[in-house]
N, C-alpha and C. Protein backbone atom coordinates (compact mmCIF):
# COMPACT_ATOMS: atom_id res chain seq x y z
N ARG A 1 113.70 50.50 117.06
CA ARG A 1 113.81 49.44 118.06
C ARG A 1 115.07 48.64 117.86
N MET A 2 115.45 48.43 116.60
CA MET A 2 116.66 47.66 116.34
C MET A 2 117.91 48.39 116.84
N ALA A 3 117.96 49.71 116.62
CA ALA A 3 119.11 50.49 117.08
C ALA A 3 119.22 50.43 118.60
N VAL A 4 118.10 50.57 119.29
CA VAL A 4 118.11 50.50 120.76
C VAL A 4 118.56 49.12 121.21
N GLY A 5 118.01 48.09 120.59
CA GLY A 5 118.37 46.71 120.96
C GLY A 5 119.84 46.43 120.75
N CYS A 6 120.39 46.93 119.66
CA CYS A 6 121.82 46.74 119.39
C CYS A 6 122.66 47.40 120.46
N LEU A 7 122.31 48.63 120.82
CA LEU A 7 123.08 49.35 121.83
C LEU A 7 122.94 48.70 123.20
N VAL A 8 121.74 48.28 123.55
CA VAL A 8 121.53 47.61 124.84
C VAL A 8 122.37 46.34 124.92
N GLU A 9 122.35 45.55 123.86
CA GLU A 9 123.14 44.31 123.85
C GLU A 9 124.62 44.61 123.97
N LEU A 10 125.10 45.58 123.23
CA LEU A 10 126.50 45.95 123.31
C LEU A 10 126.87 46.45 124.71
N ALA A 11 126.05 47.31 125.27
CA ALA A 11 126.32 47.85 126.61
C ALA A 11 126.39 46.75 127.66
N PHE A 12 125.48 45.79 127.58
CA PHE A 12 125.49 44.69 128.56
C PHE A 12 126.72 43.81 128.39
N LYS A 13 127.13 43.56 127.16
CA LYS A 13 128.32 42.74 126.93
C LYS A 13 129.58 43.42 127.46
N VAL A 14 129.67 44.72 127.30
CA VAL A 14 130.82 45.44 127.83
C VAL A 14 130.75 45.49 129.35
N ALA A 15 129.58 45.79 129.91
CA ALA A 15 129.42 45.91 131.35
C ALA A 15 129.69 44.60 132.09
N THR A 16 129.36 43.47 131.47
CA THR A 16 129.57 42.18 132.12
C THR A 16 130.95 41.60 131.83
N GLY A 17 131.73 42.28 130.98
CA GLY A 17 133.08 41.81 130.68
C GLY A 17 133.15 40.77 129.57
N GLU A 18 132.03 40.52 128.92
CA GLU A 18 132.03 39.54 127.83
C GLU A 18 132.91 40.03 126.68
N ILE A 19 132.91 41.33 126.46
CA ILE A 19 133.82 41.94 125.50
C ILE A 19 134.47 43.15 126.18
N LYS A 20 135.64 43.56 125.67
CA LYS A 20 136.39 44.65 126.30
C LYS A 20 135.79 46.02 126.02
N ASN A 21 135.39 46.26 124.80
CA ASN A 21 134.78 47.53 124.42
C ASN A 21 133.99 47.34 123.14
N GLY A 22 133.33 48.39 122.70
CA GLY A 22 132.54 48.26 121.49
C GLY A 22 132.19 49.62 120.92
N PHE A 23 131.70 49.60 119.70
CA PHE A 23 131.28 50.81 119.02
C PHE A 23 130.02 50.48 118.24
N ALA A 24 128.94 51.15 118.55
CA ALA A 24 127.66 50.88 117.89
C ALA A 24 127.50 51.80 116.68
N VAL A 25 127.48 51.21 115.52
CA VAL A 25 127.27 51.98 114.29
C VAL A 25 125.78 51.95 113.99
N ILE A 26 125.08 52.84 114.65
CA ILE A 26 123.63 52.93 114.55
C ILE A 26 123.24 54.40 114.39
N ARG A 27 121.99 54.62 114.16
CA ARG A 27 121.50 56.00 114.08
C ARG A 27 121.95 56.73 115.34
N PRO A 28 122.29 58.01 115.24
CA PRO A 28 122.80 58.73 116.42
C PRO A 28 121.95 58.46 117.66
N PRO A 29 122.60 58.17 118.77
CA PRO A 29 121.88 57.81 119.99
C PRO A 29 120.91 58.88 120.46
N GLY A 30 119.65 58.61 120.31
CA GLY A 30 118.65 59.56 120.73
C GLY A 30 118.34 60.57 119.66
N HIS A 31 119.35 61.06 119.00
CA HIS A 31 119.26 62.05 117.93
C HIS A 31 118.33 63.20 118.31
N HIS A 32 117.04 63.07 118.13
CA HIS A 32 116.10 64.12 118.52
C HIS A 32 115.36 63.78 119.82
N ALA A 33 115.21 62.52 120.11
CA ALA A 33 114.37 62.10 121.24
C ALA A 33 114.95 62.52 122.58
N GLU A 34 114.04 62.89 123.47
CA GLU A 34 114.40 63.16 124.86
C GLU A 34 114.33 61.83 125.61
N GLU A 35 114.64 61.86 126.90
CA GLU A 35 114.61 60.63 127.68
C GLU A 35 113.24 59.96 127.64
N SER A 36 112.17 60.74 127.69
CA SER A 36 110.84 60.15 127.70
C SER A 36 109.90 60.75 126.66
N THR A 37 110.45 61.44 125.66
CA THR A 37 109.61 62.07 124.64
C THR A 37 110.18 61.85 123.25
N ALA A 38 109.34 61.34 122.36
CA ALA A 38 109.75 61.17 120.96
C ALA A 38 109.74 62.53 120.28
N MET A 39 110.72 62.76 119.41
CA MET A 39 110.78 64.02 118.65
C MET A 39 111.30 63.72 117.26
N GLY A 40 110.84 64.49 116.27
CA GLY A 40 111.26 64.23 114.91
C GLY A 40 110.86 62.82 114.52
N PHE A 41 111.76 62.08 113.94
CA PHE A 41 111.49 60.68 113.60
C PHE A 41 112.09 59.73 114.63
N CYS A 42 112.59 60.26 115.72
CA CYS A 42 113.24 59.43 116.75
C CYS A 42 112.25 59.11 117.86
N PHE A 43 111.99 57.84 118.05
CA PHE A 43 111.02 57.43 119.06
C PHE A 43 111.68 57.05 120.37
N PHE A 44 112.94 56.62 120.33
CA PHE A 44 113.62 56.16 121.52
C PHE A 44 114.98 56.84 121.66
N ASN A 45 115.37 57.19 122.87
CA ASN A 45 116.71 57.68 123.14
C ASN A 45 117.51 56.47 123.60
N SER A 46 118.24 55.87 122.67
CA SER A 46 118.92 54.60 122.93
C SER A 46 119.94 54.69 124.06
N VAL A 47 120.61 55.83 124.21
CA VAL A 47 121.59 55.99 125.29
C VAL A 47 120.88 56.01 126.64
N ALA A 48 119.80 56.76 126.76
CA ALA A 48 119.06 56.83 128.02
C ALA A 48 118.49 55.47 128.39
N ILE A 49 117.95 54.76 127.42
CA ILE A 49 117.38 53.44 127.68
C ILE A 49 118.47 52.46 128.13
N SER A 50 119.59 52.45 127.42
CA SER A 50 120.69 51.54 127.79
C SER A 50 121.22 51.85 129.18
N ALA A 51 121.41 53.13 129.47
CA ALA A 51 121.93 53.52 130.78
C ALA A 51 120.97 53.10 131.89
N LYS A 52 119.68 53.35 131.68
CA LYS A 52 118.69 53.00 132.70
C LYS A 52 118.64 51.49 132.94
N LEU A 53 118.71 50.70 131.87
CA LEU A 53 118.70 49.24 132.02
C LEU A 53 119.95 48.74 132.73
N LEU A 54 121.10 49.33 132.44
CA LEU A 54 122.33 48.94 133.14
C LEU A 54 122.21 49.24 134.64
N GLN A 55 121.62 50.37 134.97
CA GLN A 55 121.43 50.72 136.38
C GLN A 55 120.46 49.76 137.06
N GLN A 56 119.38 49.42 136.38
CA GLN A 56 118.35 48.56 136.97
C GLN A 56 118.78 47.10 137.05
N LYS A 57 119.34 46.58 135.98
CA LYS A 57 119.64 45.14 135.90
C LYS A 57 120.99 44.74 136.48
N LEU A 58 121.99 45.64 136.36
CA LEU A 58 123.34 45.30 136.80
C LEU A 58 123.83 46.19 137.95
N SER A 59 122.96 47.04 138.45
CA SER A 59 123.31 47.96 139.53
C SER A 59 124.55 48.80 139.22
N VAL A 60 124.68 49.20 137.95
CA VAL A 60 125.78 50.07 137.55
C VAL A 60 125.48 51.45 138.11
N GLY A 61 126.45 52.02 138.82
CA GLY A 61 126.22 53.30 139.47
C GLY A 61 126.53 54.50 138.60
N ARG A 62 127.67 54.45 137.91
CA ARG A 62 128.09 55.59 137.11
C ARG A 62 128.24 55.19 135.66
N ILE A 63 127.77 56.04 134.79
CA ILE A 63 127.86 55.76 133.36
C ILE A 63 128.44 56.98 132.68
N LEU A 64 129.48 56.76 131.89
CA LEU A 64 130.10 57.85 131.15
C LEU A 64 129.57 57.87 129.74
C-alpha cells in the first residue's frame, strides 16, 4: 500500500504541475500483479492504479 500511495502522490504532483518530473524508488510497479489480480507477493499493480486514478480524477487522456 505504501508503494502504491507513493506512486499515486508522485503521479498527481507531476500531472498537476506541482513538480516537473519524478522517479519513484519503490518495489517494481506491479511486479507480478495484474491490473485486477494479485500474484506472487504483489497485491497491487501501482502503475495501473495510478493511471486509472489520473484518468478518473484529472481527466488525463493519455498516459505513457
